[in-house]
Amino acid sequence: MNIYVGNLSYRMSEAELREAFSEFGEVSRAKIVKDKETNRSKGFGFVEMSVDDQAKKAIEALNGKEVGGRALRVNEARPKD
């Protein structure tokens, strides 16, 4: 399952993002979206987890949780149009 994670701290690393989700199960990929010109975080990213049940538990537990001084917005990612 692909998970959208919004309202990330601009200082959060991909390793920290992976770590936050890995306590709920295996994370296949963690990616923070960055501005192409400045290489700064845009404040959101995506996490991929292979087991849907673990992904749903992570979404429930982390949505609204404060990480790095910001309340995360976490939900199932919508497919690109």
PDB file of N, CA and C in Angstrom:
ATOM      1  N   MET A   1       0.850  -1.183   0.000  1.00  0.00           N
ATOM      2  CA  MET A   1       0.000   0.000   0.000  1.00  0.00           C
ATOM      3  C   MET A   1       0.890   1.239   0.000  1.00  0.00           C
ATOM      4  N   ASN A   2       0.514   2.213  -0.800  1.00  0.00           N
ATOM      5  CA  ASN A   2       1.227   3.474  -0.865  1.00  0.00           C
ATOM      6  C   ASN A   2       0.529   4.464   0.069  1.00  0.00           C
ATOM      7  N   ILE A   3       1.303   5.098   0.947  1.00  0.00           N
ATOM      8  CA  ILE A   3       0.759   5.977   1.984  1.00  0.00           C
ATOM      9  C   ILE A   3       1.286   7.396   1.772  1.00  0.00           C
ATOM     10  N   TYR A   4       0.366   8.366   1.781  1.00  0.00           N
ATOM     11  CA  TYR A   4       0.727   9.781   1.706  1.00  0.00           C
ATOM     12  C   TYR A   4       0.983  10.284   3.127  1.00  0.00           C
ATOM     13  N   VAL A   5       2.082  11.014   3.303  1.00  0.00           N
ATOM     14  CA  VAL A   5       2.400  11.605   4.606  1.00  0.00           C
ATOM     15  C   VAL A   5       2.627  13.092   4.396  1.00  0.00           C
ATOM     16  N   GLY A   6       1.736  13.917   4.959  1.00  0.00           N
ATOM     17  CA  GLY A   6       1.835  15.360   4.791  1.00  0.00           C
ATOM     18  C   GLY A   6       2.154  16.069   6.079  1.00  0.00           C
ATOM     19  N   ASN A   7       2.479  17.355   5.958  1.00  0.00           N
ATOM     20  CA  ASN A   7       2.815  18.228   7.088  1.00  0.00           C
ATOM     21  C   ASN A   7       4.093  17.776   7.794  1.00  0.00           C
ATOM     22  N   LEU A   8       5.040  17.260   7.001  1.00  0.00           N
ATOM     23  CA  LEU A   8       6.326  16.835   7.560  1.00  0.00           C
ATOM     24  C   LEU A   8       7.167  18.058   7.935  1.00  0.00           C
ATOM     25  N   SER A   9       7.979  17.884   8.946  1.00  0.00           N
ATOM     26  CA  SER A   9       8.965  18.907   9.282  1.00  0.00           C
ATOM     27  C   SER A   9       9.943  18.991   8.105  1.00  0.00           C
ATOM     28  N   TYR A  10      10.360  20.190   7.752  1.00  0.00           N
ATOM     29  CA  TYR A  10      11.286  20.363   6.630  1.00  0.00           C
ATOM     30  C   TYR A  10      12.662  19.778   6.930  1.00  0.00           C
ATOM     31  N   ARG A  11      12.934  19.507   8.202  1.00  0.00           N
ATOM     32  CA  ARG A  11      14.224  18.939   8.597  1.00  0.00           C
ATOM     33  C   ARG A  11      14.206  17.408   8.655  1.00  0.00           C
ATOM     34  N   MET A  12      13.032  16.791   8.483  1.00  0.00           N
ATOM     35  CA  MET A  12      12.939  15.334   8.588  1.00  0.00           C
ATOM     36  C   MET A  12      13.649  14.660   7.413  1.00  0.00           C
ATOM     37  N   SER A  13      14.384  13.590   7.722  1.00  0.00           N
ATOM     38  CA  SER A  13      15.079  12.844   6.667  1.00  0.00           C
ATOM     39  C   SER A  13      14.247  11.631   6.253  1.00  0.00           C
ATOM     40  N   GLU A  14      14.605  11.045   5.110  1.00  0.00           N
ATOM     41  CA  GLU A  14      13.910   9.845   4.650  1.00  0.00           C
ATOM     42  C   GLU A  14      14.132   8.689   5.630  1.00  0.00           C
ATOM     43  N   ALA A  15      15.306   8.642   6.254  1.00  0.00           N
ATOM     44  CA  ALA A  15      15.588   7.598   7.242  1.00  0.00           C
ATOM     45  C   ALA A  15      14.669   7.733   8.461  1.00  0.00           C
ATOM     46  N   GLU A  16      14.429   8.970   8.897  1.00  0.00           N
ATOM     47  CA  GLU A  16      13.529   9.204  10.032  1.00  0.00           C
ATOM     48  C   GLU A  16      12.089   8.848   9.670  1.00  0.00           C
ATOM     49  N   LEU A  17      11.696   9.149   8.441  1.00  0.00           N
ATOM     50  CA  LEU A  17      10.354   8.808   7.970  1.00  0.00           C
ATOM     51  C   LEU A  17      10.185   7.285   7.955  1.00  0.00           C
ATOM     52  N   ARG A  18      11.171   6.590   7.415  1.00  0.00           N
ATOM     53  CA  ARG A  18      11.144   5.125   7.374  1.00  0.00           C
ATOM     54  C   ARG A  18      11.049   4.554   8.788  1.00  0.00           C
ATOM     55  N   GLU A  19      11.833   5.115   9.702  1.00  0.00           N
ATOM     56  CA  GLU A  19      11.862   4.641  11.091  1.00  0.00           C
ATOM     57  C   GLU A  19      10.494   4.798  11.767  1.00  0.00           C
ATOM     58  N   ALA A  20       9.821   5.916  11.513  1.00  0.00           N
ATOM     59  CA  ALA A  20       8.506   6.170  12.124  1.00  0.00           C
ATOM     60  C   ALA A  20       7.495   5.098  11.713  1.00  0.00           C
ATOM     61  N   PHE A  21       7.577   4.643  10.463  1.00  0.00           N
ATOM     62  CA  PHE A  21       6.622   3.650   9.966  1.00  0.00           C
ATOM     63  C   PHE A  21       7.070   2.221  10.218  1.00  0.00           C
ATOM     64  N   SER A  22       8.365   1.996  10.368  1.00  0.00           N
ATOM     65  CA  SER A  22       8.870   0.629  10.488  1.00  0.00           C
ATOM     66  C   SER A  22       8.454  -0.052  11.783  1.00  0.00           C
ATOM     67  N   GLU A  23       8.028   0.700  12.782  1.00  0.00           N
ATOM     68  CA  GLU A  23       7.554   0.047  14.001  1.00  0.00           C
ATOM     69  C   GLU A  23       6.217  -0.671  13.787  1.00  0.00           C
ATOM     70  N   PHE A  24       5.556  -0.408  12.653  1.00  0.00           N
ATOM     71  CA  PHE A  24       4.276  -1.061  12.348  1.00  0.00           C
ATOM     72  C   PHE A  24       4.418  -2.197  11.346  1.00  0.00           C
ATOM     73  N   GLY A  25       5.592  -2.323  10.736  1.00  0.00           N
ATOM     74  CA  GLY A  25       5.826  -3.393   9.774  1.00  0.00           C
ATOM     75  C   GLY A  25       6.931  -3.021   8.803  1.00  0.00           C
ATOM     76  N   GLU A  26       7.093  -3.859   7.798  1.00  0.00           N
ATOM     77  CA  GLU A  26       8.175  -3.673   6.836  1.00  0.00           C
ATOM     78  C   GLU A  26       7.857  -2.531   5.866  1.00  0.00           C
ATOM     79  N   VAL A  27       8.798  -1.605   5.773  1.00  0.00           N
ATOM     80  CA  VAL A  27       8.675  -0.474   4.856  1.00  0.00           C
ATOM     81  C   VAL A  27       9.506  -0.782   3.622  1.00  0.00           C
ATOM     82  N   SER A  28       8.861  -0.851   2.450  1.00  0.00           N
ATOM     83  CA  SER A  28       9.622  -1.134   1.235  1.00  0.00           C
ATOM     84  C   SER A  28      10.279   0.117   0.661  1.00  0.00           C
ATOM     85  N   ARG A  29       9.663   1.284   0.920  1.00  0.00           N
ATOM     86  CA  ARG A  29      10.208   2.525   0.381  1.00  0.00           C
ATOM     87  C   ARG A  29       9.698   3.710   1.181  1.00  0.00           C
ATOM     88  N   ALA A  30      10.561   4.684   1.401  1.00  0.00           N
ATOM     89  CA  ALA A  30      10.172   5.942   2.045  1.00  0.00           C
ATOM     90  C   ALA A  30      10.805   7.067   1.242  1.00  0.00           C
ATOM     91  N   LYS A  31       9.995   8.000   0.773  1.00  0.00           N
ATOM     92  CA  LYS A  31      10.490   9.067  -0.105  1.00  0.00           C
ATOM     93  C   LYS A  31       9.892  10.397   0.317  1.00  0.00           C
ATOM     94  N   ILE A  32      10.752  11.385   0.534  1.00  0.00           N
ATOM     95  CA  ILE A  32      10.303  12.745   0.805  1.00  0.00           C
ATOM     96  C   ILE A  32      10.430  13.525  -0.499  1.00  0.00           C
ATOM     97  N   VAL A  33       9.361  14.209  -0.894  1.00  0.00           N
ATOM     98  CA  VAL A  33       9.365  14.972  -2.147  1.00  0.00           C
ATOM     99  C   VAL A  33      10.130  16.269  -1.923  1.00  0.00           C
ATOM    100  N   LYS A  34      11.075  16.545  -2.845  1.00  0.00           N
ATOM    101  CA  LYS A  34      11.925  17.734  -2.712  1.00  0.00           C
ATOM    102  C   LYS A  34      11.785  18.635  -3.922  1.00  0.00           C
ATOM    103  N   ASP A  35      11.991  19.918  -3.688  1.00  0.00           N
ATOM    104  CA  ASP A  35      11.986  20.905  -4.759  1.00  0.00           C
ATOM    105  C   ASP A  35      13.187  20.646  -5.672  1.00  0.00           C
ATOM    106  N   LYS A  36      12.959  20.630  -6.969  1.00  0.00           N
ATOM    107  CA  LYS A  36      14.034  20.315  -7.922  1.00  0.00           C
ATOM    108  C   LYS A  36      15.149  21.361  -7.927  1.00  0.00           C
ATOM    109  N   GLU A  37      14.792  22.620  -7.726  1.00  0.00           N
ATOM    110  CA  GLU A  37      15.797  23.680  -7.799  1.00  0.00           C
ATOM    111  C   GLU A  37      16.594  23.835  -6.507  1.00  0.00           C
ATOM    112  N   THR A  38      15.912  23.792  -5.358  1.00  0.00           N
ATOM    113  CA  THR A  38      16.587  24.060  -4.081  1.00  0.00           C
ATOM    114  C   THR A  38      16.953  22.788  -3.324  1.00  0.00           C
ATOM    115  N   ASN A  39      16.386  21.658  -3.730  1.00  0.00           N
ATOM    116  CA  ASN A  39      16.582  20.375  -3.053  1.00  0.00           C
ATOM    117  C   ASN A  39      16.066  20.380  -1.615  1.00  0.00           C
ATOM    118  N   ARG A  40      15.179  21.337  -1.284  1.00  0.00           N
ATOM    119  CA  ARG A  40      14.555  21.384   0.043  1.00  0.00           C
ATOM    120  C   ARG A  40      13.284  20.562   0.021  1.00  0.00           C
ATOM    121  N   SER A  41      12.961  19.998   1.178  1.00  0.00           N
ATOM    122  CA  SER A  41      11.730  19.220   1.320  1.00  0.00           C
ATOM    123  C   SER A  41      10.524  20.100   1.023  1.00  0.00           C
ATOM    124  N   LYS A  42       9.515  19.512   0.383  1.00  0.00           N
ATOM    125  CA  LYS A  42       8.256  20.226   0.140  1.00  0.00           C
ATOM    126  C   LYS A  42       7.278  19.980   1.289  1.00  0.00           C
ATOM    127  N   GLY A  43       7.690  19.194   2.299  1.00  0.00           N
ATOM    128  CA  GLY A  43       6.840  18.989   3.470  1.00  0.00           C
ATOM    129  C   GLY A  43       5.888  17.812   3.357  1.00  0.00           C
ATOM    130  N   PHE A  44       6.084  16.981   2.332  1.00  0.00           N
ATOM    131  CA  PHE A  44       5.274  15.766   2.231  1.00  0.00           C
ATOM    132  C   PHE A  44       6.081  14.657   1.566  1.00  0.00           C
ATOM    133  N   GLY A  45       5.583  13.443   1.708  1.00  0.00           N
ATOM    134  CA  GLY A  45       6.279  12.315   1.116  1.00  0.00           C
ATOM    135  C   GLY A  45       5.371  11.105   1.027  1.00  0.00           C
ATOM    136  N   PHE A  46       5.966   9.980   0.673  1.00  0.00           N
ATOM    137  CA  PHE A  46       5.220   8.744   0.508  1.00  0.00           C
ATOM    138  C   PHE A  46       5.981   7.592   1.141  1.00  0.00           C
ATOM    139  N   VAL A  47       5.225   6.675   1.720  1.00  0.00           N
ATOM    140  CA  VAL A  47       5.795   5.470   2.311  1.00  0.00           C
ATOM    141  C   VAL A  47       5.072   4.288   1.683  1.00  0.00           C
ATOM    142  N   GLU A  48       5.828   3.284   1.288  1.00  0.00           N
ATOM    143  CA  GLU A  48       5.236   2.075   0.723  1.00  0.00           C
ATOM    144  C   GLU A  48       5.442   0.925   1.701  1.00  0.00           C
ATOM    145  N   MET A  49       4.332   0.255   2.030  1.00  0.00           N
ATOM    146  CA  MET A  49       4.388  -0.918   2.907  1.00  0.00           C
ATOM    147  C   MET A  49       3.732  -2.080   2.172  1.00  0.00           C
ATOM    148  N   SER A  50       4.363  -3.264   2.228  1.00  0.00           N
ATOM    149  CA  SER A  50       3.877  -4.389   1.437  1.00  0.00           C
ATOM    150  C   SER A  50       2.666  -5.089   2.047  1.00  0.00           C
ATOM    151  N   VAL A  51       2.491  -4.995   3.370  1.00  0.00           N
ATOM    152  CA  VAL A  51       1.362  -5.666   4.024  1.00  0.00           C
ATOM    153  C   VAL A  51       0.290  -4.630   4.367  1.00  0.00           C
ATOM    154  N   ASP A  52      -0.890  -4.761   3.722  1.00  0.00           N
ATOM    155  CA  ASP A  52      -1.956  -3.760   3.886  1.00  0.00           C
ATOM    156  C   ASP A  52      -2.409  -3.587   5.335  1.00  0.00           C
ATOM    157  N   ASP A  53      -2.516  -4.681   6.103  1.00  0.00           N
ATOM    158  CA  ASP A  53      -2.950  -4.577   7.503  1.00  0.00           C
ATOM    159  C   ASP A  53      -1.981  -3.728   8.317  1.00  0.00           C
ATOM    160  N   GLN A  54      -0.680  -3.923   8.091  1.00  0.00           N
ATOM    161  CA  GLN A  54       0.332  -3.144   8.805  1.00  0.00           C
ATOM    162  C   GLN A  54       0.252  -1.679   8.380  1.00  0.00           C
ATOM    163  N   ALA A  55       0.019  -1.450   7.099  1.00  0.00           N
ATOM    164  CA  ALA A  55      -0.089  -0.082   6.586  1.00  0.00           C
ATOM    165  C   ALA A  55      -1.286   0.630   7.217  1.00  0.00           C
ATOM    166  N   LYS A  56      -2.418  -0.067   7.324  1.00  0.00           N
ATOM    167  CA  LYS A  56      -3.617   0.539   7.919  1.00  0.00           C
ATOM    168  C   LYS A  56      -3.387   0.875   9.390  1.00  0.00           C
ATOM    169  N   LYS A  57      -2.680   0.002  10.118  1.00  0.00           N
ATOM    170  CA  LYS A  57      -2.362   0.288  11.526  1.00  0.00           C
ATOM    171  C   LYS A  57      -1.459   1.508  11.628  1.00  0.00           C
ATOM    172  N   ALA A  58      -0.492   1.615  10.730  1.00  0.00           N
ATOM    173  CA  ALA A  58       0.415   2.770  10.731  1.00  0.00           C
ATOM    174  C   ALA A  58      -0.354   4.058  10.453  1.00  0.00           C
ATOM    175  N   ILE A  59      -1.290   4.016   9.495  1.00  0.00           N
ATOM    176  CA  ILE A  59      -2.092   5.197   9.164  1.00  0.00           C
ATOM    177  C   ILE A  59      -2.902   5.629  10.383  1.00  0.00           C
ATOM    178  N   GLU A  60      -3.572   4.673  11.034  1.00  0.00           N
ATOM    179  CA  GLU A  60      -4.387   4.996  12.217  1.00  0.00           C
ATOM    180  C   GLU A  60      -3.540   5.583  13.334  1.00  0.00           C
ATOM    181  N   ALA A  61      -2.372   4.985  13.571  1.00  0.00           N
ATOM    182  CA  ALA A  61      -1.539   5.411  14.697  1.00  0.00           C
ATOM    183  C   ALA A  61      -0.836   6.747  14.444  1.00  0.00           C
ATOM    184  N   LEU A  62      -0.433   7.006  13.211  1.00  0.00           N
ATOM    185  CA  LEU A  62       0.395   8.184  12.941  1.00  0.00           C
ATOM    186  C   LEU A  62      -0.381   9.401  12.447  1.00  0.00           C
ATOM    187  N   ASN A  63      -1.611   9.228  11.967  1.00  0.00           N
ATOM    188  CA  ASN A  63      -2.387  10.372  11.504  1.00  0.00           C
ATOM    189  C   ASN A  63      -2.709  11.279  12.698  1.00  0.00           C
ATOM    190  N   GLY A  64      -2.254  12.525  12.618  1.00  0.00           N
ATOM    191  CA  GLY A  64      -2.479  13.482  13.704  1.00  0.00           C
ATOM    192  C   GLY A  64      -1.406  13.457  14.777  1.00  0.00           C
ATOM    193  N   LYS A  65      -0.496  12.472  14.722  1.00  0.00           N
ATOM    194  CA  LYS A  65       0.572  12.390  15.729  1.00  0.00           C
ATOM    195  C   LYS A  65       1.619  13.466  15.462  1.00  0.00           C
ATOM    196  N   GLU A  66       2.097  14.078  16.541  1.00  0.00           N
ATOM    197  CA  GLU A  66       3.098  15.129  16.398  1.00  0.00           C
ATOM    198  C   GLU A  66       4.486  14.512  16.254  1.00  0.00           C
ATOM    199  N   VAL A  67       5.152  14.847  15.158  1.00  0.00           N
ATOM    200  CA  VAL A  67       6.517  14.386  14.895  1.00  0.00           C
ATOM    201  C   VAL A  67       7.312  15.593  14.427  1.00  0.00           C
ATOM    202  N   GLY A  68       8.397  15.872  15.105  1.00  0.00           N
ATOM    203  CA  GLY A  68       9.215  17.028  14.729  1.00  0.00           C
ATOM    204  C   GLY A  68       8.487  18.347  14.898  1.00  0.00           C
ATOM    205  N   GLY A  69       7.543  18.404  15.855  1.00  0.00           N
ATOM    206  CA  GLY A  69       6.819  19.634  16.131  1.00  0.00           C
ATOM    207  C   GLY A  69       5.630  19.886  15.216  1.00  0.00           C
ATOM    208  N   ARG A  70       5.286  18.907  14.364  1.00  0.00           N
ATOM    209  CA  ARG A  70       4.159  19.084  13.437  1.00  0.00           C
ATOM    210  C   ARG A  70       3.257  17.859  13.474  1.00  0.00           C
ATOM    211  N   ALA A  71       1.955  18.099  13.415  1.00  0.00           N
ATOM    212  CA  ALA A  71       0.984  16.992  13.405  1.00  0.00           C
ATOM    213  C   ALA A  71       0.899  16.417  11.993  1.00  0.00           C
ATOM    214  N   LEU A  72       1.270  15.159  11.843  1.00  0.00           N
ATOM    215  CA  LEU A  72       1.282  14.518  10.528  1.00  0.00           C
ATOM    216  C   LEU A  72      -0.128  14.314   9.987  1.00  0.00           C
ATOM    217  N   ARG A  73      -0.260  14.398   8.676  1.00  0.00           N
ATOM    218  CA  ARG A  73      -1.487  13.999   7.972  1.00  0.00           C
ATOM    219  C   ARG A  73      -1.126  12.740   7.196  1.00  0.00           C
ATOM    220  N   VAL A  74      -1.747  11.641   7.558  1.00  0.00           N
ATOM    221  CA  VAL A  74      -1.388  10.354   6.968  1.00  0.00           C
ATOM    222  C   VAL A  74      -2.643   9.675   6.435  1.00  0.00           C
ATOM    223  N   ASN A  75      -2.619   9.284   5.161  1.00  0.00           N
ATOM    224  CA  ASN A  75      -3.715   8.523   4.595  1.00  0.00           C
ATOM    225  C   ASN A  75      -3.246   7.734   3.382  1.00  0.00           C
ATOM    226  N   GLU A  76      -4.108   6.853   2.897  1.00  0.00           N
ATOM    227  CA  GLU A  76      -3.756   6.067   1.719  1.00  0.00           C
ATOM    228  C   GLU A  76      -3.602   7.018   0.537  1.00  0.00           C
ATOM    229  N   ALA A  77      -2.504   6.855  -0.190  1.00  0.00           N
ATOM    230  CA  ALA A  77      -2.243   7.728  -1.334  1.00  0.00           C
ATOM    231  C   ALA A  77      -3.229   7.431  -2.456  1.00  0.00           C
ATOM    232  N   ARG A  78      -3.682   8.494  -3.098  1.00  0.00           N
ATOM    233  CA  ARG A  78      -4.556   8.333  -4.264  1.00  0.00           C
ATOM    234  C   ARG A  78      -3.674   8.147  -5.491  1.00  0.00           C
ATOM    235  N   PRO A  79      -4.106   7.333  -6.448  1.00  0.00           N
ATOM    236  CA  PRO A  79      -3.299   7.151  -7.667  1.00  0.00           C
ATOM    237  C   PRO A  79      -3.195   8.454  -8.454  1.00  0.00           C
ATOM    238  N   LYS A  80      -2.078   8.637  -9.147  1.00  0.00           N
ATOM    239  CA  LYS A  80      -1.907   9.828  -9.991  1.00  0.00           C
ATOM    240  C   LYS A  80      -2.900   9.786 -11.125  1.00  0.00           C
ATOM    241  N   ASP A  81      -3.404  10.964 -11.493  1.00  0.00           N
ATOM    242  CA  ASP A  81      -4.316  11.041 -12.646  1.00  0.00           C
ATOM    243  C   ASP A  81      -3.537  11.077 -13.942  1.00  0.00           C
TER     244      ASP A  81
END
